[in-house]
Amino acid sequence: LDAARAAAPRRHREVRVEAEPAPVPGEAVDDTLRLYFLCAHPS
């Protein structure tokens, strides 16, 4: 259940991503990238 809850936002994002990744100038940094940085914790 924990894994399914964690995967739901990612699946939602994947549905929104177009089949061919196009440049998106100035796109705001979303929570996913922040989570990447937070999980790369100095400890």
PDB file of all heavy atoms in Angstrom:
ATOM      1  N   LEU A   1       0.832  -1.211   0.000  1.00  0.00           N
ATOM      2  CA  LEU A   1       0.000   0.000   0.000  1.00  0.00           C
ATOM      3  C   LEU A   1       0.865   1.258   0.000  1.00  0.00           C
ATOM      4  O   LEU A   1       0.563   2.234  -0.711  1.00  0.00           O
ATOM      5  CB  LEU A   1      -0.921   0.001   1.214  1.00  0.00           C
ATOM      6  CG  LEU A   1      -2.020  -1.070   1.229  1.00  0.00           C
ATOM      7  CD1 LEU A   1      -2.810  -0.998   2.525  1.00  0.00           C
ATOM      8  CD2 LEU A   1      -2.949  -0.919   0.023  1.00  0.00           C
ATOM      9  N   ASP A   2       1.953   1.247   0.773  1.00  0.00           N
ATOM     10  CA  ASP A   2       2.851   2.408   0.797  1.00  0.00           C
ATOM     11  C   ASP A   2       3.440   2.657  -0.583  1.00  0.00           C
ATOM     12  O   ASP A   2       3.528   3.804  -1.058  1.00  0.00           O
ATOM     13  CB  ASP A   2       3.980   2.185   1.800  1.00  0.00           C
ATOM     14  CG  ASP A   2       3.486   2.237   3.235  1.00  0.00           C
ATOM     15  OD1 ASP A   2       2.361   2.731   3.468  1.00  0.00           O
ATOM     16  OD2 ASP A   2       4.240   1.785   4.126  1.00  0.00           O
ATOM     17  N   ALA A   3       3.864   1.567  -1.261  1.00  0.00           N
ATOM     18  CA  ALA A   3       4.456   1.713  -2.590  1.00  0.00           C
ATOM     19  C   ALA A   3       3.421   2.202  -3.596  1.00  0.00           C
ATOM     20  O   ALA A   3       3.722   3.029  -4.468  1.00  0.00           O
ATOM     21  CB  ALA A   3       5.041   0.372  -3.049  1.00  0.00           C
ATOM     22  N   ALA A   4       2.182   1.687  -3.479  1.00  0.00           N
ATOM     23  CA  ALA A   4       1.131   2.103  -4.414  1.00  0.00           C
ATOM     24  C   ALA A   4       0.808   3.584  -4.245  1.00  0.00           C
ATOM     25  O   ALA A   4       0.615   4.309  -5.233  1.00  0.00           O
ATOM     26  CB  ALA A   4      -0.125   1.257  -4.187  1.00  0.00           C
ATOM     27  N   ARG A   5       0.761   4.045  -2.990  1.00  0.00           N
ATOM     28  CA  ARG A   5       0.494   5.469  -2.750  1.00  0.00           C
ATOM     29  C   ARG A   5       1.626   6.329  -3.291  1.00  0.00           C
ATOM     30  O   ARG A   5       1.398   7.400  -3.854  1.00  0.00           O
ATOM     31  CB  ARG A   5       0.309   5.715  -1.261  1.00  0.00           C
ATOM     32  CG  ARG A   5      -0.931   5.074  -0.662  1.00  0.00           C
ATOM     33  CD  ARG A   5      -1.149   5.538   0.774  1.00  0.00           C
ATOM     34  NE  ARG A   5      -2.191   4.749   1.431  1.00  0.00           N
ATOM     35  CZ  ARG A   5      -1.937   3.781   2.304  1.00  0.00           C
ATOM     36  NH1 ARG A   5      -0.695   3.501   2.635  1.00  0.00           N
ATOM     37  NH2 ARG A   5      -2.926   3.108   2.849  1.00  0.00           N
ATOM     38  N   ALA A   6       2.868   5.867  -3.123  1.00  0.00           N
ATOM     39  CA  ALA A   6       4.015   6.647  -3.610  1.00  0.00           C
ATOM     40  C   ALA A   6       4.056   6.672  -5.129  1.00  0.00           C
ATOM     41  O   ALA A   6       4.491   7.651  -5.730  1.00  0.00           O
ATOM     42  CB  ALA A   6       5.310   6.051  -3.064  1.00  0.00           C
ATOM     43  N   ALA A   7       3.578   5.584  -5.755  1.00  0.00           N
ATOM     44  CA  ALA A   7       3.660   5.509  -7.216  1.00  0.00           C
ATOM     45  C   ALA A   7       2.556   6.292  -7.910  1.00  0.00           C
ATOM     46  O   ALA A   7       2.697   6.669  -9.071  1.00  0.00           O
ATOM     47  CB  ALA A   7       3.597   4.040  -7.663  1.00  0.00           C
ATOM     48  N   ALA A   8       1.452   6.540  -7.207  1.00  0.00           N
ATOM     49  CA  ALA A   8       0.314   7.199  -7.854  1.00  0.00           C
ATOM     50  C   ALA A   8       0.660   8.565  -8.439  1.00  0.00           C
ATOM     51  O   ALA A   8       0.329   8.858  -9.590  1.00  0.00           O
ATOM     52  CB  ALA A   8      -0.847   7.310  -6.871  1.00  0.00           C
ATOM     53  N   PRO A   9       1.355   9.457  -7.692  1.00  0.00           N
ATOM     54  CA  PRO A   9       1.694  10.753  -8.294  1.00  0.00           C
ATOM     55  C   PRO A   9       2.592  10.612  -9.512  1.00  0.00           C
ATOM     56  O   PRO A   9       2.460  11.353 -10.478  1.00  0.00           O
ATOM     57  CB  PRO A   9       2.411  11.482  -7.148  1.00  0.00           C
ATOM     58  CG  PRO A   9       1.937  10.816  -5.905  1.00  0.00           C
ATOM     59  CD  PRO A   9       1.745   9.389  -6.279  1.00  0.00           C
ATOM     60  N   ARG A  10       3.536   9.644  -9.458  1.00  0.00           N
ATOM     61  CA  ARG A  10       4.421   9.463 -10.603  1.00  0.00           C
ATOM     62  C   ARG A  10       3.642   8.998 -11.827  1.00  0.00           C
ATOM     63  O   ARG A  10       3.864   9.475 -12.940  1.00  0.00           O
ATOM     64  CB  ARG A  10       5.514   8.438 -10.264  1.00  0.00           C
ATOM     65  CG  ARG A  10       6.397   8.103 -11.449  1.00  0.00           C
ATOM     66  CD  ARG A  10       7.500   7.146 -11.067  1.00  0.00           C
ATOM     67  NE  ARG A  10       7.018   5.894 -10.522  1.00  0.00           N
ATOM     68  CZ  ARG A  10       6.523   4.913 -11.262  1.00  0.00           C
ATOM     69  NH1 ARG A  10       6.457   5.047 -12.569  1.00  0.00           N
ATOM     70  NH2 ARG A  10       6.108   3.794 -10.705  1.00  0.00           N
ATOM     71  N   ARG A  11       2.700   8.064 -11.624  1.00  0.00           N
ATOM     72  CA  ARG A  11       1.910   7.593 -12.770  1.00  0.00           C
ATOM     73  C   ARG A  11       1.097   8.736 -13.357  1.00  0.00           C
ATOM     74  O   ARG A  11       0.931   8.845 -14.566  1.00  0.00           O
ATOM     75  CB  ARG A  11       0.998   6.450 -12.331  1.00  0.00           C
ATOM     76  CG  ARG A  11       1.728   5.138 -12.095  1.00  0.00           C
ATOM     77  CD  ARG A  11       0.745   3.979 -12.072  1.00  0.00           C
ATOM     78  NE  ARG A  11      -0.234   4.127 -11.019  1.00  0.00           N
ATOM     79  CZ  ARG A  11      -0.082   3.624  -9.795  1.00  0.00           C
ATOM     80  NH1 ARG A  11       1.017   2.988  -9.479  1.00  0.00           N
ATOM     81  NH2 ARG A  11      -1.028   3.780  -8.888  1.00  0.00           N
ATOM     82  N   HIS A  12       0.575   9.599 -12.474  1.00  0.00           N
ATOM     83  CA  HIS A  12      -0.204  10.741 -12.959  1.00  0.00           C
ATOM     84  C   HIS A  12       0.664  11.657 -13.808  1.00  0.00           C
ATOM     85  O   HIS A  12       0.232  12.146 -14.855  1.00  0.00           O
ATOM     86  CB  HIS A  12      -0.779  11.506 -11.770  1.00  0.00           C
ATOM     87  CG  HIS A  12      -1.566  12.724 -12.157  1.00  0.00           C
ATOM     88  ND1 HIS A  12      -2.757  12.653 -12.847  1.00  0.00           N
ATOM     89  CD2 HIS A  12      -1.310  14.047 -11.976  1.00  0.00           C
ATOM     90  CE1 HIS A  12      -3.207  13.886 -13.073  1.00  0.00           C
ATOM     91  NE2 HIS A  12      -2.344  14.742 -12.550  1.00  0.00           N
ATOM     92  N   ARG A  13       1.909  11.895 -13.355  1.00  0.00           N
ATOM     93  CA  ARG A  13       2.804  12.751 -14.139  1.00  0.00           C
ATOM     94  C   ARG A  13       3.124  12.122 -15.481  1.00  0.00           C
ATOM     95  O   ARG A  13       3.201  12.790 -16.504  1.00  0.00           O
ATOM     96  CB  ARG A  13       4.091  13.000 -13.349  1.00  0.00           C
ATOM     97  CG  ARG A  13       3.936  13.921 -12.174  1.00  0.00           C
ATOM     98  CD  ARG A  13       5.288  14.348 -11.648  1.00  0.00           C
ATOM     99  NE  ARG A  13       6.072  13.214 -11.206  1.00  0.00           N
ATOM    100  CZ  ARG A  13       6.036  12.716  -9.974  1.00  0.00           C
ATOM    101  NH1 ARG A  13       5.240  13.258  -9.083  1.00  0.00           N
ATOM    102  NH2 ARG A  13       6.794  11.705  -9.632  1.00  0.00           N
ATOM    103  N   GLU A  14       3.341  10.795 -15.499  1.00  0.00           N
ATOM    104  CA  GLU A  14       3.704  10.127 -16.754  1.00  0.00           C
ATOM    105  C   GLU A  14       2.576  10.243 -17.784  1.00  0.00           C
ATOM    106  O   GLU A  14       2.818  10.369 -18.979  1.00  0.00           O
ATOM    107  CB  GLU A  14       4.024   8.655 -16.499  1.00  0.00           C
ATOM    108  CG  GLU A  14       5.330   8.459 -15.750  1.00  0.00           C
ATOM    109  CD  GLU A  14       5.555   7.022 -15.359  1.00  0.00           C
ATOM    110  OE1 GLU A  14       4.614   6.215 -15.489  1.00  0.00           O
ATOM    111  OE2 GLU A  14       6.662   6.720 -14.915  1.00  0.00           O
ATOM    112  N   VAL A  15       1.331  10.191 -17.303  1.00  0.00           N
ATOM    113  CA  VAL A  15       0.209  10.337 -18.223  1.00  0.00           C
ATOM    114  C   VAL A  15       0.223  11.712 -18.866  1.00  0.00           C
ATOM    115  O   VAL A  15      -0.110  11.882 -20.049  1.00  0.00           O
ATOM    116  CB  VAL A  15      -1.124  10.094 -17.473  1.00  0.00           C
ATOM    117  CG1 VAL A  15      -2.306  10.502 -18.335  1.00  0.00           C
ATOM    118  CG2 VAL A  15      -1.240   8.630 -17.080  1.00  0.00           C
ATOM    119  N   ARG A  16       0.661  12.726 -18.091  1.00  0.00           N
ATOM    120  CA  ARG A  16       0.669  14.086 -18.614  1.00  0.00           C
ATOM    121  C   ARG A  16       1.839  14.369 -19.548  1.00  0.00           C
ATOM    122  O   ARG A  16       1.800  15.305 -20.325  1.00  0.00           O
ATOM    123  CB  ARG A  16       0.715  15.087 -17.448  1.00  0.00           C
ATOM    124  CG  ARG A  16      -0.544  15.102 -16.611  1.00  0.00           C
ATOM    125  CD  ARG A  16      -0.536  16.245 -15.621  1.00  0.00           C
ATOM    126  NE  ARG A  16       0.426  16.052 -14.551  1.00  0.00           N
ATOM    127  CZ  ARG A  16       1.554  16.718 -14.438  1.00  0.00           C
ATOM    128  NH1 ARG A  16       1.888  17.617 -15.343  1.00  0.00           N
ATOM    129  NH2 ARG A  16       2.368  16.508 -13.416  1.00  0.00           N
ATOM    130  N   VAL A  17       2.895  13.565 -19.456  1.00  0.00           N
ATOM    131  CA  VAL A  17       4.075  13.821 -20.294  1.00  0.00           C
ATOM    132  C   VAL A  17       3.811  13.356 -21.716  1.00  0.00           C
ATOM    133  O   VAL A  17       3.311  12.250 -21.934  1.00  0.00           O
ATOM    134  CB  VAL A  17       5.302  13.088 -19.710  1.00  0.00           C
ATOM    135  CG1 VAL A  17       6.494  13.216 -20.655  1.00  0.00           C
ATOM    136  CG2 VAL A  17       5.657  13.659 -18.359  1.00  0.00           C
ATOM    137  N   GLU A  18       4.111  14.155 -22.683  1.00  0.00           N
ATOM    138  CA  GLU A  18       3.911  13.786 -24.073  1.00  0.00           C
ATOM    139  C   GLU A  18       4.880  12.693 -24.464  1.00  0.00           C
ATOM    140  O   GLU A  18       5.936  12.524 -23.867  1.00  0.00           O
ATOM    141  CB  GLU A  18       4.108  15.001 -24.978  1.00  0.00           C
ATOM    142  CG  GLU A  18       3.081  16.081 -24.781  1.00  0.00           C
ATOM    143  CD  GLU A  18       3.294  17.252 -25.715  1.00  0.00           C
ATOM    144  OE1 GLU A  18       4.304  17.244 -26.444  1.00  0.00           O
ATOM    145  OE2 GLU A  18       2.470  18.164 -25.697  1.00  0.00           O
ATOM    146  N   ALA A  19       4.537  11.960 -25.537  1.00  0.00           N
ATOM    147  CA  ALA A  19       5.370  10.838 -25.974  1.00  0.00           C
ATOM    148  C   ALA A  19       6.756  11.287 -26.368  1.00  0.00           C
ATOM    149  O   ALA A  19       7.722  10.546 -26.247  1.00  0.00           O
ATOM    150  CB  ALA A  19       4.705  10.122 -27.153  1.00  0.00           C
ATOM    151  N   GLU A  20       6.894  12.501 -26.863  1.00  0.00           N
ATOM    152  CA  GLU A  20       8.200  13.025 -27.268  1.00  0.00           C
ATOM    153  C   GLU A  20       8.515  14.231 -26.399  1.00  0.00           C
ATOM    154  O   GLU A  20       7.804  15.229 -26.423  1.00  0.00           O
ATOM    155  CB  GLU A  20       8.160  13.445 -28.736  1.00  0.00           C
ATOM    156  CG  GLU A  20       9.486  13.926 -29.277  1.00  0.00           C
ATOM    157  CD  GLU A  20       9.343  14.287 -30.735  1.00  0.00           C
ATOM    158  OE1 GLU A  20       9.208  13.371 -31.550  1.00  0.00           O
ATOM    159  OE2 GLU A  20       9.345  15.485 -31.058  1.00  0.00           O
ATOM    160  N   PRO A  21       9.596  14.143 -25.605  1.00  0.00           N
ATOM    161  CA  PRO A  21       9.873  15.230 -24.671  1.00  0.00           C
ATOM    162  C   PRO A  21      10.353  16.478 -25.378  1.00  0.00           C
ATOM    163  O   PRO A  21      11.408  16.486 -25.992  1.00  0.00           O
ATOM    164  CB  PRO A  21      10.984  14.656 -23.783  1.00  0.00           C
ATOM    165  CG  PRO A  21      11.644  13.647 -24.655  1.00  0.00           C
ATOM    166  CD  PRO A  21      10.570  13.077 -25.545  1.00  0.00           C
ATOM    167  N   ALA A  22       9.579  17.553 -25.322  1.00  0.00           N
ATOM    168  CA  ALA A  22       9.941  18.813 -25.981  1.00  0.00           C
ATOM    169  C   ALA A  22      10.455  19.798 -24.950  1.00  0.00           C
ATOM    170  O   ALA A  22      10.105  19.724 -23.774  1.00  0.00           O
ATOM    171  CB  ALA A  22       8.709  19.404 -26.685  1.00  0.00           C
ATOM    172  N   PRO A  23      11.288  20.743 -25.377  1.00  0.00           N
ATOM    173  CA  PRO A  23      11.790  21.742 -24.435  1.00  0.00           C
ATOM    174  C   PRO A  23      10.647  22.559 -23.837  1.00  0.00           C
ATOM    175  O   PRO A  23       9.684  22.882 -24.521  1.00  0.00           O
ATOM    176  CB  PRO A  23      12.681  22.628 -25.314  1.00  0.00           C
ATOM    177  CG  PRO A  23      13.001  21.808 -26.516  1.00  0.00           C
ATOM    178  CD  PRO A  23      11.821  20.917 -26.730  1.00  0.00           C
ATOM    179  N   VAL A  24      10.769  22.855 -22.558  1.00  0.00           N
ATOM    180  CA  VAL A  24       9.751  23.667 -21.894  1.00  0.00           C
ATOM    181  C   VAL A  24      10.479  24.801 -21.168  1.00  0.00           C
ATOM    182  O   VAL A  24      10.761  24.704 -19.974  1.00  0.00           O
ATOM    183  CB  VAL A  24       8.923  22.831 -20.897  1.00  0.00           C
ATOM    184  CG1 VAL A  24       7.758  23.657 -20.347  1.00  0.00           C
ATOM    185  CG2 VAL A  24       8.409  21.566 -21.544  1.00  0.00           C
ATOM    186  N   PRO A  25      10.848  25.873 -21.869  1.00  0.00           N
ATOM    187  CA  PRO A  25      11.625  26.945 -21.247  1.00  0.00           C
ATOM    188  C   PRO A  25      10.896  27.537 -20.047  1.00  0.00           C
ATOM    189  O   PRO A  25       9.696  27.796 -20.085  1.00  0.00           O
ATOM    190  CB  PRO A  25      11.759  27.980 -22.366  1.00  0.00           C
ATOM    191  CG  PRO A  25      11.519  27.211 -23.628  1.00  0.00           C
ATOM    192  CD  PRO A  25      10.533  26.142 -23.275  1.00  0.00           C
ATOM    193  N   GLY A  26      11.645  27.723 -18.986  1.00  0.00           N
ATOM    194  CA  GLY A  26      11.091  28.411 -17.826  1.00  0.00           C
ATOM    195  C   GLY A  26      10.127  27.589 -16.996  1.00  0.00           C
ATOM    196  O   GLY A  26       9.462  28.115 -16.130  1.00  0.00           O
ATOM    197  N   GLU A  27      10.043  26.279 -17.242  1.00  0.00           N
ATOM    198  CA  GLU A  27       9.108  25.449 -16.477  1.00  0.00           C
ATOM    199  C   GLU A  27       9.504  25.448 -15.005  1.00  0.00           C
ATOM    200  O   GLU A  27      10.666  25.337 -14.637  1.00  0.00           O
ATOM    201  CB  GLU A  27       9.137  24.011 -17.019  1.00  0.00           C
ATOM    202  CG  GLU A  27       8.144  23.079 -16.326  1.00  0.00           C
ATOM    203  CD  GLU A  27       8.225  21.666 -16.866  1.00  0.00           C
ATOM    204  OE1 GLU A  27       9.136  21.386 -17.636  1.00  0.00           O
ATOM    205  OE2 GLU A  27       7.356  20.867 -16.508  1.00  0.00           O
ATOM    206  N   ALA A  28       8.542  25.588 -14.131  1.00  0.00           N
ATOM    207  CA  ALA A  28       8.837  25.632 -12.697  1.00  0.00           C
ATOM    208  C   ALA A  28       9.325  24.272 -12.222  1.00  0.00           C
ATOM    209  O   ALA A  28       8.931  23.239 -12.736  1.00  0.00           O
ATOM    210  CB  ALA A  28       7.587  26.022 -11.931  1.00  0.00           C
ATOM    211  N   VAL A  29      10.192  24.281 -11.228  1.00  0.00           N
ATOM    212  CA  VAL A  29      10.683  23.042 -10.651  1.00  0.00           C
ATOM    213  C   VAL A  29       9.587  22.454  -9.774  1.00  0.00           C
ATOM    214  O   VAL A  29       9.109  23.108  -8.856  1.00  0.00           O
ATOM    215  CB  VAL A  29      11.949  23.315  -9.823  1.00  0.00           C
ATOM    216  CG1 VAL A  29      12.440  22.032  -9.168  1.00  0.00           C
ATOM    217  CG2 VAL A  29      13.026  23.920 -10.705  1.00  0.00           C
ATOM    218  N   ASP A  30       9.189  21.217 -10.047  1.00  0.00           N
ATOM    219  CA  ASP A  30       8.082  20.647  -9.284  1.00  0.00           C
ATOM    220  C   ASP A  30       8.600  19.866  -8.089  1.00  0.00           C
ATOM    221  O   ASP A  30       9.789  19.775  -7.833  1.00  0.00           O
ATOM    222  CB  ASP A  30       7.181  19.808 -10.194  1.00  0.00           C
ATOM    223  CG  ASP A  30       7.869  18.538 -10.695  1.00  0.00           C
ATOM    224  OD1 ASP A  30       8.945  18.203 -10.169  1.00  0.00           O
ATOM    225  OD2 ASP A  30       7.328  17.900 -11.596  1.00  0.00           O
ATOM    226  N   ASP A  31       7.670  19.288  -7.338  1.00  0.00           N
ATOM    227  CA  ASP A  31       8.036  18.612  -6.107  1.00  0.00           C
ATOM    228  C   ASP A  31       8.900  17.381  -6.351  1.00  0.00           C
ATOM    229  O   ASP A  31       9.656  16.977  -5.463  1.00  0.00           O
ATOM    230  CB  ASP A  31       6.767  18.192  -5.352  1.00  0.00           C
ATOM    231  CG  ASP A  31       6.054  19.391  -4.736  1.00  0.00           C
ATOM    232  OD1 ASP A  31       6.716  20.426  -4.555  1.00  0.00           O
ATOM    233  OD2 ASP A  31       4.853  19.272  -4.450  1.00  0.00           O
ATOM    234  N   THR A  32       8.780  16.765  -7.516  1.00  0.00           N
ATOM    235  CA  THR A  32       9.560  15.557  -7.784  1.00  0.00           C
ATOM    236  C   THR A  32      11.046  15.842  -7.710  1.00  0.00           C
ATOM    237  O   THR A  32      11.808  15.107  -7.063  1.00  0.00           O
ATOM    238  CB  THR A  32       9.206  14.992  -9.170  1.00  0.00           C
ATOM    239  OG1 THR A  32       7.806  14.790  -9.253  1.00  0.00           O
ATOM    240  CG2 THR A  32       9.916  13.668  -9.400  1.00  0.00           C
ATOM    241  N   LEU A  33      11.485  16.909  -8.370  1.00  0.00           N
ATOM    242  CA  LEU A  33      12.906  17.239  -8.352  1.00  0.00           C
ATOM    243  C   LEU A  33      13.364  17.601  -6.939  1.00  0.00           C
ATOM    244  O   LEU A  33      14.477  17.262  -6.517  1.00  0.00           O
ATOM    245  CB  LEU A  33      13.195  18.384  -9.322  1.00  0.00           C
ATOM    246  CG  LEU A  33      14.672  18.646  -9.645  1.00  0.00           C
ATOM    247  CD1 LEU A  33      15.353  17.385 -10.139  1.00  0.00           C
ATOM    248  CD2 LEU A  33      14.797  19.752 -10.674  1.00  0.00           C
ATOM    249  N   ARG A  34      12.506  18.284  -6.189  1.00  0.00           N
ATOM    250  CA  ARG A  34      12.858  18.600  -4.795  1.00  0.00           C
ATOM    251  C   ARG A  34      13.034  17.318  -3.979  1.00  0.00           C
ATOM    252  O   ARG A  34      13.927  17.213  -3.126  1.00  0.00           O
ATOM    253  CB  ARG A  34      11.768  19.482  -4.172  1.00  0.00           C
ATOM    254  CG  ARG A  34      11.703  20.882  -4.759  1.00  0.00           C
ATOM    255  CD  ARG A  34      10.818  21.783  -3.916  1.00  0.00           C
ATOM    256  NE  ARG A  34      10.710  23.119  -4.506  1.00  0.00           N
ATOM    257  CZ  ARG A  34       9.762  23.504  -5.336  1.00  0.00           C
ATOM    258  NH1 ARG A  34       8.799  22.658  -5.681  1.00  0.00           N
ATOM    259  NH2 ARG A  34       9.748  24.739  -5.824  1.00  0.00           N
ATOM    260  N   LEU A  35      12.163  16.335  -4.231  1.00  0.00           N
ATOM    261  CA  LEU A  35      12.286  15.058  -3.524  1.00  0.00           C
ATOM    262  C   LEU A  35      13.595  14.361  -3.869  1.00  0.00           C
ATOM    263  O   LEU A  35      14.225  13.731  -3.012  1.00  0.00           O
ATOM    264  CB  LEU A  35      11.100  14.149  -3.861  1.00  0.00           C
ATOM    265  CG  LEU A  35       9.763  14.520  -3.225  1.00  0.00           C
ATOM    266  CD1 LEU A  35       8.646  13.651  -3.787  1.00  0.00           C
ATOM    267  CD2 LEU A  35       9.835  14.377  -1.708  1.00  0.00           C
ATOM    268  N   TYR A  36      14.027  14.470  -5.140  1.00  0.00           N
ATOM    269  CA  TYR A  36      15.308  13.882  -5.530  1.00  0.00           C
ATOM    270  C   TYR A  36      16.431  14.471  -4.686  1.00  0.00           C
ATOM    271  O   TYR A  36      17.314  13.752  -4.203  1.00  0.00           O
ATOM    272  CB  TYR A  36      15.582  14.141  -7.009  1.00  0.00           C
ATOM    273  CG  TYR A  36      15.012  13.104  -7.944  1.00  0.00           C
ATOM    274  CD1 TYR A  36      13.635  12.937  -8.092  1.00  0.00           C
ATOM    275  CD2 TYR A  36      15.837  12.286  -8.695  1.00  0.00           C
ATOM    276  CE1 TYR A  36      13.107  12.000  -8.952  1.00  0.00           C
ATOM    277  CE2 TYR A  36      15.324  11.333  -9.562  1.00  0.00           C
ATOM    278  CZ  TYR A  36      13.958  11.190  -9.685  1.00  0.00           C
ATOM    279  OH  TYR A  36      13.439  10.243 -10.531  1.00  0.00           O
ATOM    280  N   PHE A  37      16.394  15.787  -4.516  1.00  0.00           N
ATOM    281  CA  PHE A  37      17.440  16.440  -3.735  1.00  0.00           C
ATOM    282  C   PHE A  37      17.346  16.087  -2.249  1.00  0.00           C
ATOM    283  O   PHE A  37      18.356  15.892  -1.581  1.00  0.00           O
ATOM    284  CB  PHE A  37      17.368  17.964  -3.912  1.00  0.00           C
ATOM    285  CG  PHE A  37      18.150  18.457  -5.091  1.00  0.00           C
ATOM    286  CD1 PHE A  37      17.533  18.649  -6.319  1.00  0.00           C
ATOM    287  CD2 PHE A  37      19.507  18.703  -4.980  1.00  0.00           C
ATOM    288  CE1 PHE A  37      18.252  19.094  -7.413  1.00  0.00           C
ATOM    289  CE2 PHE A  37      20.238  19.145  -6.069  1.00  0.00           C
ATOM    290  CZ  PHE A  37      19.619  19.350  -7.289  1.00  0.00           C
ATOM    291  N   LEU A  38      16.139  16.000  -1.733  1.00  0.00           N
ATOM    292  CA  LEU A  38      15.978  15.686  -0.325  1.00  0.00           C
ATOM    293  C   LEU A  38      16.420  14.266  -0.002  1.00  0.00           C
ATOM    294  O   LEU A  38      17.008  14.013   1.058  1.00  0.00           O
ATOM    295  CB  LEU A  38      14.519  15.895   0.097  1.00  0.00           C
ATOM    296  CG  LEU A  38      14.057  17.356   0.164  1.00  0.00           C
ATOM    297  CD1 LEU A  38      12.554  17.420   0.370  1.00  0.00           C
ATOM    298  CD2 LEU A  38      14.783  18.102   1.281  1.00  0.00           C
ATOM    299  N   CYS A  39      16.148  13.329  -0.910  1.00  0.00           N
ATOM    300  CA  CYS A  39      16.579  11.949  -0.674  1.00  0.00           C
ATOM    301  C   CYS A  39      18.099  11.806  -0.775  1.00  0.00           C
ATOM    302  O   CYS A  39      18.669  10.863  -0.228  1.00  0.00           O
ATOM    303  CB  CYS A  39      15.897  10.992  -1.665  1.00  0.00           C
ATOM    304  SG  CYS A  39      14.185  10.622  -1.258  1.00  0.00           S
ATOM    305  N   ALA A  40      18.744  12.723  -1.488  1.00  0.00           N
ATOM    306  CA  ALA A  40      20.208  12.718  -1.559  1.00  0.00           C
ATOM    307  C   ALA A  40      20.756  13.432  -0.330  1.00  0.00           C
ATOM    308  O   ALA A  40      21.532  14.381  -0.419  1.00  0.00           O
ATOM    309  CB  ALA A  40      20.668  13.403  -2.841  1.00  0.00           C
ATOM    310  N   HIS A  41      20.342  12.979   0.852  1.00  0.00           N
ATOM    311  CA  HIS A  41      20.643  13.673   2.106  1.00  0.00           C
ATOM    312  C   HIS A  41      22.117  13.506   2.479  1.00  0.00           C
ATOM    313  O   HIS A  41      22.705  12.440   2.255  1.00  0.00           O
ATOM    314  CB  HIS A  41      19.761  13.100   3.228  1.00  0.00           C
ATOM    315  CG  HIS A  41      19.686  13.958   4.437  1.00  0.00           C
ATOM    316  ND1 HIS A  41      20.598  13.855   5.474  1.00  0.00           N
ATOM    317  CD2 HIS A  41      18.824  14.943   4.795  1.00  0.00           C
ATOM    318  CE1 HIS A  41      20.292  14.738   6.414  1.00  0.00           C
ATOM    319  NE2 HIS A  41      19.218  15.403   6.033  1.00  0.00           N
ATOM    320  N   PRO A  42      22.736  14.548   3.057  1.00  0.00           N
ATOM    321  CA  PRO A  42      24.161  14.463   3.424  1.00  0.00           C
ATOM    322  C   PRO A  42      24.490  13.341   4.405  1.00  0.00           C
ATOM    323  O   PRO A  42      25.636  12.914   4.483  1.00  0.00           O
ATOM    324  CB  PRO A  42      24.439  15.836   4.051  1.00  0.00           C
ATOM    325  CG  PRO A  42      23.407  16.742   3.475  1.00  0.00           C
ATOM    326  CD  PRO A  42      22.188  15.897   3.291  1.00  0.00           C
ATOM    327  N   SER A  43      23.501  12.860   5.154  1.00  0.00           N
ATOM    328  CA  SER A  43      23.768  11.786   6.112  1.00  0.00           C
ATOM    329  C   SER A  43      23.935  10.433   5.439  1.00  0.00           C
ATOM    330  O   SER A  43      24.353   9.463   6.081  1.00  0.00           O
ATOM    331  CB  SER A  43      22.636  11.699   7.138  1.00  0.00           C
ATOM    332  OG  SER A  43      21.406  11.359   6.518  1.00  0.00           O
TER     333      SER A  43
END
